[in-house]
Protein backbone atom coordinates (compact mmCIF):
# COMPACT_ATOMS: atom_id res chain seq x y z
CA MET A 1 0.00 0.00 0.00
CA LYS A 2 1.10 3.57 -0.66
CA ILE A 3 -0.13 6.24 1.73
CA THR A 4 0.25 9.98 1.16
CA LEU A 5 0.20 12.14 4.27
CA ILE A 6 -0.39 15.88 3.93
CA SER A 7 0.37 18.57 6.51
CA PRO A 8 -1.03 22.13 6.20
CA TYR A 9 0.86 23.37 9.29
CA PRO A 10 3.33 26.27 8.97
CA ASP A 11 5.77 24.24 11.08
CA ILE A 12 7.09 21.34 8.98
CA THR A 13 8.21 19.43 12.07
CA ALA A 14 4.76 17.78 11.92
CA PHE A 15 5.67 15.23 14.57
CA GLY A 16 2.39 13.31 14.15
CA ILE A 17 2.48 12.47 10.45
CA ARG A 18 6.25 11.91 10.50
CA THR A 19 5.82 9.32 13.27
CA ILE A 20 2.90 7.67 11.45
CA SER A 21 4.96 7.58 8.25
CA ALA A 22 7.87 5.87 10.00
CA TYR A 23 5.50 3.40 11.69
CA LEU A 24 3.83 2.43 8.40
CA LYS A 25 7.22 2.04 6.70
CA ASN A 26 8.38 -0.26 9.47
CA HIS A 27 5.42 -2.50 8.63
CA GLY A 28 6.19 -2.70 4.93
CA HIS A 29 4.07 0.10 3.48
CA LYS A 30 5.20 3.01 1.30
CA THR A 31 4.57 6.58 2.34
CA GLN A 32 4.78 10.00 0.77
CA LEU A 33 4.84 13.21 2.80
CA ILE A 34 3.62 16.52 1.39
CA PHE A 35 4.07 19.71 3.42
CA LEU A 36 1.81 22.61 2.46
CA PRO A 37 2.73 25.31 5.01
CA ASP A 38 -0.33 27.50 5.42
CA PRO A 39 0.52 30.72 3.53
CA PHE A 40 -1.11 32.84 6.23
CA GLY A 41 0.53 31.06 9.16
CA ASP A 42 -0.54 32.74 12.38
CA ASN A 43 -1.93 35.79 10.57
CA LEU A 44 -5.15 34.31 9.26
CA ALA A 45 -7.21 36.20 6.70
CA PHE A 46 -10.97 35.92 7.03
CA GLY A 47 -12.74 34.56 3.95
CA VAL A 48 -9.59 34.21 1.81
CA LYS A 49 -8.61 30.86 0.28
CA ARG A 50 -5.35 29.47 1.58
CA TYR A 51 -3.84 27.92 -1.55
CA ASN A 52 -3.45 28.93 -5.18
CA GLU A 53 -5.09 26.65 -7.73
CA SER A 54 -1.72 25.92 -9.35
CA VAL A 55 -0.47 24.43 -6.07
CA LEU A 56 -3.60 22.31 -5.66
CA ASP A 57 -3.43 21.18 -9.29
CA ALA A 58 0.10 19.92 -8.66
CA LEU A 59 -1.22 17.61 -5.93
CA ILE A 60 -3.14 15.46 -8.39
CA PRO A 61 -0.18 13.84 -10.23
CA LEU A 62 1.72 13.53 -6.94
CA CYS A 63 -1.11 11.60 -5.29
CA LYS A 64 -2.46 9.66 -8.25
CA ASP A 65 -0.95 6.30 -7.25
CA SER A 66 -1.86 6.58 -3.57
CA ASN A 67 -4.11 3.95 -2.04
CA LEU A 68 -5.00 6.30 0.79
CA ILE A 69 -4.49 10.04 1.39
CA GLY A 70 -4.33 11.44 4.91
CA ILE A 71 -4.61 15.07 6.02
CA SER A 72 -3.76 16.19 9.56
CA LEU A 73 -5.40 19.36 10.87
CA MET A 74 -6.18 21.58 13.79
CA THR A 75 -9.20 23.89 13.84
CA ASN A 76 -7.42 26.96 12.46
CA PHE A 77 -6.30 24.94 9.42
CA TYR A 78 -9.76 23.57 8.72
CA GLU A 79 -10.45 25.82 5.73
CA GLY A 80 -7.16 24.83 4.12
CA ALA A 81 -7.92 21.14 4.65
CA VAL A 82 -11.35 21.57 3.04
CA GLN A 83 -9.78 23.27 0.03
CA ILE A 84 -7.18 20.50 -0.37
CA THR A 85 -9.79 17.75 0.03
CA LYS A 86 -12.16 19.22 -2.57
CA LYS A 87 -9.36 19.39 -5.13
CA LEU A 88 -8.23 15.82 -4.47
CA LYS A 89 -11.77 14.46 -4.66
CA ALA A 90 -12.35 16.25 -7.95
CA GLY A 91 -9.28 14.67 -9.54
CA LEU A 92 -8.78 11.32 -7.79
CA GLU A 93 -10.71 8.34 -6.46
CA SER A 94 -8.38 7.53 -3.57
CA PRO A 95 -10.14 7.60 -0.18
CA ILE A 96 -9.23 10.54 2.05
CA ILE A 97 -8.81 10.29 5.81
CA TRP A 98 -8.68 13.26 8.16
CA GLY A 99 -6.87 13.03 11.49
CA GLY A 100 -5.57 15.31 14.21
CA ILE A 101 -7.17 17.43 16.91
CA HIS A 102 -10.06 18.90 14.90
CA PRO A 103 -11.38 15.59 13.48
CA THR A 104 -11.02 14.09 16.96
CA ILE A 105 -13.21 16.79 18.47
CA ARG A 106 -15.56 17.36 15.55
CA PRO A 107 -15.87 14.07 13.67
CA GLU A 108 -19.41 14.87 12.49
CA GLU A 109 -18.22 17.99 10.70
CA SER A 110 -15.07 16.33 9.39
CA ILE A 111 -16.86 13.30 7.90
CA GLU A 112 -18.84 15.71 5.70
CA HIS A 113 -15.63 16.27 3.75
CA ALA A 114 -13.46 13.20 4.31
CA ASP A 115 -14.28 9.56 3.58
CA ILE A 116 -12.75 8.43 6.87
CA VAL A 117 -12.09 10.27 10.12
CA CYS A 118 -9.53 9.21 12.70
CA MET A 119 -10.07 10.22 16.33
CA GLY A 120 -7.21 10.24 18.81
CA ASP A 121 -3.83 8.62 18.28
CA GLY A 122 -3.56 7.50 14.68
CA GLU A 123 -0.64 5.10 14.37
CA ASP A 124 -2.34 1.80 15.17
CA SER A 125 -5.68 2.66 13.57
CA LEU A 126 -4.01 3.69 10.32
CA LEU A 127 -1.77 0.63 10.27
CA GLU A 128 -4.74 -1.68 10.78
CA LEU A 129 -6.68 0.17 8.08
CA VAL A 130 -4.04 0.00 5.35
CA THR A 131 -3.13 -3.58 6.23
CA ARG A 132 -6.74 -4.71 5.86
CA MET A 133 -7.19 -2.64 2.70
CA GLY A 134 -4.08 -4.22 1.22
CA LYS A 135 -5.38 -7.71 1.96
CA GLY A 136 -8.83 -6.92 0.63
CA GLU A 137 -10.39 -7.53 4.05
CA PRO A 138 -13.38 -5.64 5.52
CA TYR A 139 -12.27 -2.68 7.60
CA ILE A 140 -15.26 -0.54 8.55
CA ASP A 141 -15.25 -1.89 12.12
CA ILE A 142 -11.81 -0.50 13.05
CA LYS A 143 -11.87 1.35 16.37
CA ASN A 144 -11.00 5.07 16.36
CA LEU A 145 -12.29 5.42 12.79
CA TRP A 146 -15.53 6.71 11.31
CA PHE A 147 -16.46 5.74 7.76
CA LYS A 148 -18.80 7.38 5.27
CA GLY A 149 -20.56 5.33 2.64
CA SER A 150 -23.87 4.00 1.34
CA GLY A 151 -25.74 6.96 2.75
CA LYS A 152 -24.72 6.37 6.35
CA VAL A 153 -21.79 6.93 8.68
CA VAL A 154 -20.23 4.08 10.65
CA LYS A 155 -19.12 5.43 14.03
CA ASN A 156 -16.65 3.13 15.75
CA PRO A 157 -15.67 3.70 19.40
CA PRO A 158 -12.18 4.78 20.49
CA ARG A 159 -9.52 2.10 20.80
CA ASN A 160 -7.48 1.68 23.95
CA LEU A 161 -4.51 4.00 24.29
CA SER A 162 -1.07 2.58 23.72
CA HIS A 163 0.93 3.18 26.89
CA ASN A 164 4.18 1.95 25.38
CA LEU A 165 5.28 4.81 23.13
CA ASP A 166 8.55 3.03 22.37
CA ILE A 167 6.78 0.85 19.81
CA TYR A 168 6.62 3.90 17.55
CA PRO A 169 9.84 4.75 15.68
CA ARG A 170 11.51 8.12 15.56
CA PRO A 171 9.88 10.60 13.12
CA ASP A 172 10.52 10.09 9.41
CA TYR A 173 13.13 12.56 8.17
CA SER A 174 14.35 10.28 5.39
CA MET A 175 13.47 12.74 2.58
CA ASP A 176 12.27 9.65 0.71
CA ASP A 177 9.37 10.96 -1.41
CA HIS A 178 8.96 14.10 0.70
CA HIS A 179 7.67 17.29 -0.94
CA ILE A 180 7.03 20.86 0.13
CA MET A 181 5.27 23.97 -1.13
CA TYR A 182 8.07 26.51 -1.48
CA GLU A 183 7.90 29.84 -3.31
CA GLY A 184 4.47 28.99 -4.68
CA LYS A 185 5.40 25.56 -6.07
CA ILE A 186 5.45 22.00 -4.79
CA GLN A 187 8.96 20.59 -5.05
CA PRO A 188 11.08 17.87 -3.44
CA LEU A 189 11.99 18.60 0.17
CA THR A 190 15.75 18.67 0.59
CA PHE A 191 17.93 18.91 3.68
CA ALA A 192 18.85 22.45 2.59
CA LEU A 193 15.18 23.50 2.41
CA MET A 194 14.44 21.83 5.72
CA LYS A 195 17.28 23.78 7.31
CA GLN A 196 15.69 27.02 6.08
CA TYR A 197 12.39 26.13 7.74
CA PHE A 198 14.06 25.08 10.98
CA GLU A 199 15.78 28.48 11.08
CA LYS A 200 12.35 30.18 11.02
CA GLY A 201 11.17 28.53 14.24
CA THR A 202 10.07 31.03 16.90
CA VAL A 203 12.48 29.71 19.53
CA SER A 204 15.26 29.31 16.95
CA GLN A 205 15.00 32.99 16.04
CA TYR A 206 15.01 33.98 19.70
CA LEU A 207 18.05 31.84 20.57
CA LYS A 208 19.78 32.53 17.24
CA LYS A 209 20.45 28.82 16.91
CA ILE A 210 18.85 26.22 14.65
CA GLY A 211 16.72 23.82 16.67
CA TYR A 212 15.39 20.31 16.16
CA GLN A 213 11.91 19.93 17.63
CA THR A 214 10.70 16.69 19.16
CA MET A 215 8.29 15.29 21.74
CA THR A 216 9.23 12.87 24.50
CA GLY A 217 5.68 12.22 25.64
CA ARG A 218 1.99 12.70 24.96
CA GLY A 219 -0.63 14.38 27.08
CA CYS A 220 -0.65 16.81 29.98
CA PRO A 221 -1.19 16.43 33.75
CA HIS A 222 -3.53 19.45 33.95
CA LYS A 223 -7.19 19.97 33.00
CA CYS A 224 -7.33 23.60 31.87
CA THR A 225 -10.74 24.58 30.52
CA TYR A 226 -9.32 26.41 27.46
CA CYS A 227 -7.28 23.38 26.37
CA ILE A 228 -8.31 20.27 24.47
CA ASN A 229 -6.22 17.94 26.65
CA ASP A 230 -9.01 17.84 29.23
CA THR A 231 -11.50 16.67 26.57
CA LEU A 232 -9.12 14.00 25.32
CA LYS A 233 -8.64 12.66 28.83
CA THR A 234 -12.41 12.34 29.15
CA MET A 235 -12.62 10.58 25.78
CA TYR A 236 -10.19 7.96 27.05
CA ASN A 237 -11.81 7.81 30.53
CA ASN A 238 -8.65 9.34 32.02
CA ASP A 239 -6.81 6.12 31.13
CA ASN A 240 -3.27 7.33 31.92
CA TYR A 241 -3.50 9.86 29.12
CA LEU A 242 -0.11 11.33 30.10
CA ARG A 243 2.49 8.94 28.65
CA TRP A 244 6.24 9.09 28.11
CA ARG A 245 8.80 7.60 25.77
CA SER A 246 11.70 5.92 27.52
CA THR A 247 14.98 7.79 27.87
CA ALA A 248 16.71 5.26 25.61
CA HIS A 249 14.11 5.78 22.89
CA VAL A 250 14.51 9.57 22.98
CA ILE A 251 18.31 9.43 23.10
CA ASP A 252 18.36 7.12 20.07
CA GLU A 253 16.42 9.74 18.08
CA LEU A 254 18.70 12.56 19.20
CA LEU A 255 21.85 10.57 18.38
CA TRP A 256 20.51 10.33 14.83
CA VAL A 257 19.99 14.11 14.85
CA LYS A 258 23.59 14.74 15.92
CA GLU A 259 24.88 12.41 13.23
CA SER A 260 22.63 13.54 10.37
CA LEU A 261 21.71 17.20 11.00
CA HIS A 262 25.04 18.82 11.80
CA TYR A 263 23.59 22.35 11.73
CA VAL A 264 21.33 21.70 14.73
CA GLY A 265 22.47 23.86 17.64
CA TYR A 266 19.89 22.90 20.26
CA ILE A 267 17.05 20.47 20.94
CA TRP A 268 13.52 21.86 21.28
CA ILE A 269 11.43 19.56 23.51
CA SER A 270 7.81 20.55 22.89
CA ASP A 271 5.97 18.30 25.37
CA ASP A 272 3.09 20.15 27.02
CA ALA A 273 4.75 19.80 30.42
CA PHE A 274 8.20 18.21 30.27
CA PHE A 275 8.78 19.04 33.96
CA ALA A 276 5.90 16.68 34.81
CA ARG A 277 8.24 13.71 34.44
CA ASN A 278 8.98 12.28 37.86
CA LYS A 279 12.29 12.86 39.60
CA ASN A 280 13.81 9.44 38.86
CA ASN A 281 12.85 9.64 35.20
CA LEU A 282 14.35 13.12 34.88
CA GLU A 283 17.54 12.03 36.63
CA GLU A 284 17.96 9.22 34.10
CA PHE A 285 17.19 11.53 31.19
CA CYS A 286 19.63 14.22 32.36
CA LYS A 287 22.45 11.73 32.88
CA GLU A 288 22.04 10.13 29.45
CA TYR A 289 21.43 13.41 27.67
CA LYS A 290 24.50 15.09 29.18
CA GLU A 291 26.77 12.15 28.35
CA LYS A 292 25.51 11.26 24.87
CA ILE A 293 23.90 14.40 23.37
CA GLY A 294 25.40 17.43 25.10
CA LEU A 295 23.51 20.02 23.05
CA PRO A 296 21.62 22.86 24.73
CA PHE A 297 17.90 22.16 24.98
CA THR A 298 14.63 23.96 25.70
CA CYS A 299 11.31 22.77 27.08
CA LEU A 300 7.89 23.75 28.44
CA ALA A 301 6.90 23.81 32.09
CA SER A 302 3.93 24.60 34.30
CA PRO A 303 3.98 26.33 37.70
CA MET A 304 2.85 23.12 39.41
CA THR A 305 5.79 21.09 38.10
CA ILE A 306 8.67 23.55 38.69
CA SER A 307 10.92 22.66 41.61
CA GLU A 308 14.43 23.59 42.77
CA GLU A 309 15.60 20.00 42.36
CA LYS A 310 14.29 19.58 38.81
CA MET A 311 15.61 22.96 37.69
CA GLU A 312 19.10 22.19 38.97
CA MET A 313 19.39 18.82 37.27
CA LEU A 314 17.94 20.09 33.97
CA VAL A 315 20.10 23.20 33.81
CA ASP A 316 23.13 21.05 34.59
CA ALA A 317 22.17 18.78 31.68
CA GLY A 318 21.93 21.71 29.24
CA LEU A 319 18.55 23.47 29.70
CA ILE A 320 19.06 27.00 28.38
CA TYR A 321 15.49 28.29 27.99
CA LEU A 322 12.00 27.41 29.10
CA GLN A 323 8.47 28.56 28.43
CA MET A 324 5.85 28.48 31.18
CA GLY A 325 2.11 29.05 31.08
CA VAL A 326 0.98 31.74 33.51
CA GLU A 327 -2.23 32.68 31.65
CA SER A 328 -3.66 35.13 34.21
CA GLY A 329 -2.87 36.90 37.46
CA SER A 330 -6.55 37.13 38.37
CA LYS A 331 -7.86 34.68 40.95
CA ARG A 332 -11.28 34.72 39.29
CA ILE A 333 -9.89 33.88 35.85
CA GLN A 334 -7.56 31.26 37.30
CA GLU A 335 -10.68 29.55 38.65
CA LEU A 336 -12.42 29.94 35.28
CA PHE A 337 -9.42 28.23 33.65
CA ASN A 338 -9.43 25.47 36.32
CA ARG A 339 -5.99 26.65 37.41
CA LYS A 340 -6.78 27.88 40.91
CA GLN A 341 -4.08 25.58 42.29
CA MET A 342 -1.65 27.65 40.19
CA ASP A 343 -2.42 30.87 42.03
CA ASN A 344 -0.14 33.89 42.29
CA GLU A 345 1.68 32.49 45.30
CA LYS A 346 2.54 29.33 43.35
CA LEU A 347 3.45 31.43 40.31
CA MET A 348 5.79 33.69 42.26
CA LYS A 349 7.51 30.66 43.75
CA ALA A 350 8.10 29.28 40.25
CA PHE A 351 9.32 32.67 38.96
CA ARG A 352 11.87 32.90 41.77
CA ILE A 353 13.18 29.38 41.21
CA ILE A 354 13.64 30.02 37.49
CA ASN A 355 15.21 33.42 38.16
CA LYS A 356 17.97 31.79 40.22
CA TYR A 357 19.38 30.47 36.94
CA LYS A 358 19.30 33.75 35.04
CA ASP A 359 23.10 33.69 34.61
CA ARG A 360 22.99 30.24 33.02
CA MET A 361 19.90 30.55 30.82
CA TYR A 362 18.24 32.82 28.30
CA PRO A 363 15.39 34.88 29.78
CA PRO A 364 12.35 32.60 30.13
CA SER A 365 9.05 33.20 28.33
CA TYR A 366 5.81 33.41 30.28
CA ASP A 367 2.50 32.91 28.47
CA PHE A 368 -0.57 35.04 29.18
CA ILE A 369 -4.05 34.63 27.70
CA LEU A 370 -5.82 37.85 26.69
CA ASP A 371 -9.27 38.82 25.43
CA VAL A 372 -11.17 36.36 27.62
CA PRO A 373 -14.90 37.16 27.22
CA TYR A 374 -15.53 36.67 30.96
CA GLU A 375 -12.65 38.93 31.97
CA THR A 376 -13.20 42.36 33.52
CA ASP A 377 -10.80 45.28 33.41
CA MET A 378 -9.90 44.52 37.03
CA ASP A 379 -8.95 40.96 36.06
CA LYS A 380 -6.63 42.39 33.42
CA VAL A 381 -5.18 44.82 35.94
CA ASP A 382 -4.48 41.89 38.28
CA SER A 383 -2.44 40.24 35.51
CA LEU A 384 -0.49 43.43 34.92
CA LYS A 385 0.16 43.84 38.65
CA LEU A 386 1.55 40.30 38.65
CA ILE A 387 3.77 41.11 35.66
CA ALA A 388 5.17 44.08 37.56
CA GLU A 389 6.36 41.67 40.27
CA ILE A 390 8.02 39.06 38.00
CA PRO A 391 11.79 38.95 38.59
CA LYS A 392 13.71 40.17 35.56
CA PRO A 393 14.87 39.21 33.01
CA PHE A 394 11.94 37.57 31.23
CA HIS A 395 9.82 37.73 28.09
CA LEU A 396 6.05 37.61 27.78
CA GLN A 397 4.12 35.68 25.16
CA PRO A 398 0.58 37.09 25.08
CA PHE A 399 -2.02 35.05 23.20
CA SER A 400 -5.54 36.12 22.36
CA LEU A 401 -7.97 33.44 23.51
CA VAL A 402 -9.44 31.22 20.80
CA LEU A 403 -12.44 29.24 22.07
CA TYR A 404 -11.54 25.99 20.39
CA PRO A 405 -14.43 23.53 19.96
CA GLY A 406 -14.51 20.71 22.47
CA THR A 407 -12.99 22.66 25.33
CA LYS A 408 -15.02 23.30 28.47
CA LEU A 409 -14.58 27.03 28.03
CA TYR A 410 -16.02 26.80 24.50
CA GLU A 411 -19.05 24.93 25.81
CA GLN A 412 -19.59 27.52 28.52
CA ALA A 413 -19.26 30.43 26.08
CA ARG A 414 -21.65 28.80 23.61
CA LYS A 415 -24.19 28.20 26.37
CA ASP A 416 -23.85 31.83 27.45
CA GLY A 417 -24.43 33.12 23.92
CA LEU A 418 -20.93 34.52 23.46
CA ILE A 419 -20.29 32.75 20.15
CA ALA A 420 -22.27 34.37 17.35
CA ASP A 421 -20.13 33.40 14.34
CA GLU A 422 -17.97 30.30 14.80
CA LYS A 423 -16.21 30.69 11.49
CA LYS A 424 -15.04 34.21 12.22
CA GLN A 425 -14.59 33.94 15.98
CA ILE A 426 -12.87 30.55 16.02
CA TYR A 427 -12.03 28.91 12.69
CA GLU A 428 -10.42 31.99 11.23
CA LYS A 429 -9.18 33.65 14.38
CA SER A 430 -5.52 33.52 15.32
CA TYR A 431 -4.11 33.80 18.82
CA THR A 432 -2.06 36.73 17.48
CA MET A 433 -5.20 38.84 16.88
CA ARG A 434 -5.17 40.76 20.16
CA SER A 435 -7.73 43.46 20.91
CA GLN A 436 -6.24 46.95 20.58
CA THR A 437 -6.92 48.27 24.06
CA TYR A 438 -5.04 50.29 26.65
CA LEU A 439 -4.50 47.30 28.96
CA ASN A 440 -3.38 45.03 26.10
CA LEU A 441 -0.98 47.77 25.05
CA LEU A 442 0.61 47.62 28.49
CA ILE A 443 1.07 43.86 28.04
CA THR A 444 2.72 44.52 24.67
CA LEU A 445 5.03 47.15 26.15
CA SER A 446 6.00 44.63 28.85
CA LYS A 447 6.83 41.83 26.39
CA ASN A 448 10.60 42.08 26.56
CA GLY A 449 10.63 42.33 30.34
CA LYS A 450 12.40 45.69 30.30
CA PHE A 451 9.43 47.93 31.04
CA PRO A 452 10.17 49.51 34.45
CA SER A 453 8.09 47.84 37.15
CA PRO A 454 7.39 51.09 39.09
CA LEU A 455 6.11 52.69 35.88
CA LEU A 456 3.90 49.69 35.14
CA ARG A 457 2.48 49.84 38.66
CA PHE A 458 1.65 53.51 38.07
CA PHE A 459 -0.10 52.79 34.76
CA VAL A 460 -2.30 50.14 36.41
CA SER A 461 -3.09 52.18 39.49
CA SER A 462 -6.76 53.00 39.99
CA PRO A 463 -6.81 56.69 38.94
CA THR A 464 -4.62 56.11 35.88
CA VAL A 465 -6.64 53.16 34.59
CA ASP A 466 -9.91 55.03 35.14
CA ILE A 467 -8.68 57.87 32.91
CA LEU A 468 -6.62 56.10 30.21
CA ASN A 469 -8.96 53.12 29.86
CA SER A 470 -12.07 55.29 29.56
CA ARG A 471 -14.28 55.22 26.50
CA PRO A 472 -13.05 58.58 25.05
CA MET A 473 -9.44 57.32 25.16
CA LYS A 474 -10.10 54.01 23.38
CA PRO A 475 -9.58 55.39 19.82
CA VAL A 476 -6.31 56.99 20.91
CA PHE A 477 -4.85 53.76 22.24
CA LYS A 478 -6.18 51.75 19.31
CA SER A 479 -4.23 54.04 16.96
CA LEU A 480 -1.15 53.87 19.16
CA TYR A 481 -1.38 50.08 19.34
CA THR A 482 -1.69 49.85 15.55
CA GLY A 483 1.29 52.15 15.07
CA LEU A 484 3.49 50.13 17.38
CA ARG A 485 2.58 46.86 15.65
CA SER A 486 3.38 48.39 12.25
CA THR A 487 6.75 49.53 13.60
CA TYR A 488 7.49 46.03 14.93
CA ARG A 489 6.63 44.45 11.58
CA LEU A 490 8.78 46.94 9.67
CA ALA A 491 11.68 46.29 12.03
CA LYS A 492 11.20 42.56 11.55
CA ARG A 493 11.37 42.89 7.77
CA LEU A 494 14.45 45.13 7.96
CA THR A 495 16.35 42.90 10.36
CA GLY A 496 15.14 39.60 8.97
CA ARG A 497 14.44 38.15 12.43
CA ALA A 498 11.75 38.14 15.09
CA VAL A 499 11.42 41.33 17.09
CA GLU A 500 10.66 40.82 20.75
């Protein structure tokens, strides 16, 4: 069997389809990977088609001998996936399967376009599907998959989670029948082109090093209401949804990276909460990593998983940068997000632990969520007051809330009548589309961690906020906000790198 896997993500790391490709190859099947980086990336354009017809036309001859075509997607790449699917269906008879977060959460919507929908982890379901197809055996009873045909939809239940992630091989970077949309054309993906894309990574631009991105586990220990991980846990009845690859399995992948990708200057571990590994596991990882890999690395953390002991061992092993979700400094919004156990006291403790390593690491990045429909101005002020207390140096990463379908916060907002136009408010909204307000402007001015804390405290004091955040001042700050963003973008174009 030959399976073509298509990724519309701007980031060509595409850990999911690369792992599936390697897994299918290990079982004797042929795969083809096609990367179609969304032309709009994080700056989505409402009502504008993602891909030129010439690019879509080029897919037909590439996919013509495929027995199955898979497309992976998240909600903000839904429109692009629909466009790709329509073109393939018009020119080919190969069945099309959708997988990824959006089909997992909205299979009913996805099956309107695809012939098959995969929910949850896809490796074993896809392998069983193509194996049965190749043998000419019936396959519409495969768990995790929905099938469309004969006027009805077959809805199979989820399969049990695989708790042994070591059965899946390292991601497929073979360049064997890999293609990419580059400069408006689909062409073979080369190591030189891949290097260019790796250089564009957000963290890579910040560190001024080329990074290799991987995942050492799946899942998250937390149940935040704005995140889909909570829904996935429920789907699997909380069946140990947080799973890890063994240290040996991860080190084997990274040894290949050192041998094959000589330009890689650091390892980017993108697990949702790498610090959630237990102490013994981290000790083993740090020992092996320091001895056998020795490259700097970065990872994600949460306030609940930061500890003095873990920080020391990870920094000693090569941790040079971390990103941590703060989300809000308001007790009320922390409760809304189901993060009340990560209150400001817990946050400040984590900030101080991280700050102890400021001479051995790059300034950390702290995430904040803005434009929450339930948030008051006082909630926003609470976040800014917290920011004024964060030990320097640091960076902020502010994200405008997107109410992704399937999350508890989405369900609450829908029930409360806060979602009037899903397509515009969710499907074609980017987390970069922040509201242009006085308080958001203060967040923006604080992004690089250099805004003087006493001055920030003044700007969020009661009399100042009452005046500058008043209705008559809103047009003024909207214009100022727009001007600053234009300046940042111009500086980015002139310097050729990300501007913090």
